[in-house]
Amino acid sequence: MTYGQIAAYAGSPRGARQVVRILHSMSSKHDLPWHRVINSKGEIGFKEEGQYNYQQHLLQSEGVLLNDKGKVDLGRYRHHLL
């Protein structure tokens, strides 16, 4: 899912940045699958190489492929809630 999708599902369609903050501060404590959340362009949000590579590794270990520009095909992998 994207940050915006999660925000909208939580009732705050403009709250994508809040989702980022929550995932950053609560993922360890609550074992949240933060690595499955990407931005609306299909990109990993981390700019720091180590964090970027770690998230990429976690996604790929679950079978998610990134293209040569480092993007996830949202048409293929984006989760849609019922």
C-alpha atoms as a PDB file:
ATOM      1  CA  MET A   1       0.000   0.000   0.000  1.00  0.00           C
ATOM      2  CA  THR A   2       0.985   3.612  -0.276  1.00  0.00           C
ATOM      3  CA  TYR A   3       1.165   6.026   2.635  1.00  0.00           C
ATOM      4  CA  GLY A   4      -1.807   7.887   1.166  1.00  0.00           C
ATOM      5  CA  GLN A   5      -3.901   4.733   0.912  1.00  0.00           C
ATOM      6  CA  ILE A   6      -3.328   3.963   4.565  1.00  0.00           C
ATOM      7  CA  ALA A   7      -4.156   7.532   5.557  1.00  0.00           C
ATOM      8  CA  ALA A   8      -7.375   7.490   3.533  1.00  0.00           C
ATOM      9  CA  TYR A   9      -8.385   4.132   4.994  1.00  0.00           C
ATOM     10  CA  ALA A  10      -7.784   5.546   8.483  1.00  0.00           C
ATOM     11  CA  GLY A  11     -10.139   8.436   7.673  1.00  0.00           C
ATOM     12  CA  SER A  12      -7.530  11.104   6.981  1.00  0.00           C
ATOM     13  CA  PRO A  13      -7.071  11.238   3.191  1.00  0.00           C
ATOM     14  CA  ARG A  14      -4.486  14.013   3.458  1.00  0.00           C
ATOM     15  CA  GLY A  15      -2.558  12.381   6.288  1.00  0.00           C
ATOM     16  CA  ALA A  16       0.181  10.508   4.411  1.00  0.00           C
ATOM     17  CA  ARG A  17       2.918  12.277   6.383  1.00  0.00           C
ATOM     18  CA  GLN A  18       1.265  11.236   9.632  1.00  0.00           C
ATOM     19  CA  VAL A  19       1.435   7.633   8.439  1.00  0.00           C
ATOM     20  CA  VAL A  20       5.168   8.067   7.845  1.00  0.00           C
ATOM     21  CA  ARG A  21       5.638   9.373  11.396  1.00  0.00           C
ATOM     22  CA  ILE A  22       3.569   6.594  12.949  1.00  0.00           C
ATOM     23  CA  LEU A  23       5.417   3.880  11.050  1.00  0.00           C
ATOM     24  CA  HIS A  24       8.748   5.413  11.991  1.00  0.00           C
ATOM     25  CA  SER A  25       7.945   5.664  15.691  1.00  0.00           C
ATOM     26  CA  MET A  26       5.781   2.576  16.245  1.00  0.00           C
ATOM     27  CA  SER A  27       7.013  -0.150  13.860  1.00  0.00           C
ATOM     28  CA  SER A  28       9.481  -1.732  16.261  1.00  0.00           C
ATOM     29  CA  LYS A  29       7.185  -1.639  19.257  1.00  0.00           C
ATOM     30  CA  HIS A  30       4.183  -3.094  17.415  1.00  0.00           C
ATOM     31  CA  ASP A  31       5.978  -5.175  14.758  1.00  0.00           C
ATOM     32  CA  LEU A  32       4.336  -3.248  11.907  1.00  0.00           C
ATOM     33  CA  PRO A  33       5.164  -4.331   8.330  1.00  0.00           C
ATOM     34  CA  TRP A  34       6.564  -0.882   7.496  1.00  0.00           C
ATOM     35  CA  HIS A  35       8.609  -2.229   4.582  1.00  0.00           C
ATOM     36  CA  ARG A  36       5.412  -2.904   2.600  1.00  0.00           C
ATOM     37  CA  VAL A  37       4.520   0.797   2.471  1.00  0.00           C
ATOM     38  CA  ILE A  38       5.830   2.904  -0.412  1.00  0.00           C
ATOM     39  CA  ASN A  39       5.082   6.326  -1.836  1.00  0.00           C
ATOM     40  CA  SER A  40       2.427   7.123  -4.426  1.00  0.00           C
ATOM     41  CA  LYS A  41       4.989   6.923  -7.246  1.00  0.00           C
ATOM     42  CA  GLY A  42       5.814   3.327  -6.337  1.00  0.00           C
ATOM     43  CA  GLU A  43       9.152   4.330  -4.843  1.00  0.00           C
ATOM     44  CA  ILE A  44      10.840   3.458  -1.601  1.00  0.00           C
ATOM     45  CA  GLY A  45      10.787   6.616   0.475  1.00  0.00           C
ATOM     46  CA  PHE A  46      14.233   6.308   2.048  1.00  0.00           C
ATOM     47  CA  LYS A  47      16.997   8.396   0.544  1.00  0.00           C
ATOM     48  CA  GLU A  48      19.756   6.962   2.747  1.00  0.00           C
ATOM     49  CA  GLU A  49      21.332   4.058   0.867  1.00  0.00           C
ATOM     50  CA  GLY A  50      21.449   1.580   3.754  1.00  0.00           C
ATOM     51  CA  GLN A  51      17.782   2.018   4.660  1.00  0.00           C
ATOM     52  CA  TYR A  52      16.764   1.988   0.996  1.00  0.00           C
ATOM     53  CA  ASN A  53      18.665  -1.251   0.363  1.00  0.00           C
ATOM     54  CA  TYR A  54      17.203  -2.872   3.484  1.00  0.00           C
ATOM     55  CA  GLN A  55      13.624  -2.093   2.459  1.00  0.00           C
ATOM     56  CA  GLN A  56      14.346  -3.222  -1.093  1.00  0.00           C
ATOM     57  CA  HIS A  57      15.754  -6.495   0.251  1.00  0.00           C
ATOM     58  CA  LEU A  58      12.672  -7.084   2.442  1.00  0.00           C
ATOM     59  CA  LEU A  59      10.314  -6.408  -0.464  1.00  0.00           C
ATOM     60  CA  GLN A  60      12.258  -8.663  -2.804  1.00  0.00           C
ATOM     61  CA  SER A  61      12.353 -11.430  -0.193  1.00  0.00           C
ATOM     62  CA  GLU A  62       8.534 -11.376  -0.358  1.00  0.00           C
ATOM     63  CA  GLY A  63       8.560 -11.608  -4.145  1.00  0.00           C
ATOM     64  CA  VAL A  64       8.022  -7.915  -4.928  1.00  0.00           C
ATOM     65  CA  LEU A  65      10.061  -6.848  -7.941  1.00  0.00           C
ATOM     66  CA  LEU A  66      11.403  -3.362  -8.527  1.00  0.00           C
ATOM     67  CA  ASN A  67      12.088  -2.106 -12.033  1.00  0.00           C
ATOM     68  CA  ASP A  68      15.431  -0.735 -13.214  1.00  0.00           C
ATOM     69  CA  LYS A  69      14.494   2.685 -11.806  1.00  0.00           C
ATOM     70  CA  GLY A  70      13.788   1.218  -8.371  1.00  0.00           C
ATOM     71  CA  LYS A  71      10.015   1.445  -8.621  1.00  0.00           C
ATOM     72  CA  VAL A  72       7.350  -1.043  -7.662  1.00  0.00           C
ATOM     73  CA  ASP A  73       4.656  -1.677 -10.267  1.00  0.00           C
ATOM     74  CA  LEU A  74       1.640  -0.375  -8.347  1.00  0.00           C
ATOM     75  CA  GLY A  75      -0.712  -1.880 -10.901  1.00  0.00           C
ATOM     76  CA  ARG A  76       0.616  -5.287  -9.992  1.00  0.00           C
ATOM     77  CA  TYR A  77       1.496  -5.037  -6.310  1.00  0.00           C
ATOM     78  CA  ARG A  78      -0.685  -2.334  -4.768  1.00  0.00           C
ATOM     79  CA  HIS A  79      -3.055  -3.757  -2.179  1.00  0.00           C
ATOM     80  CA  HIS A  80      -6.658  -2.620  -2.433  1.00  0.00           C
ATOM     81  CA  LEU A  81      -8.924  -2.864   0.567  1.00  0.00           C
ATOM     82  CA  LEU A  82     -12.409  -4.201   0.091  1.00  0.00           C
END
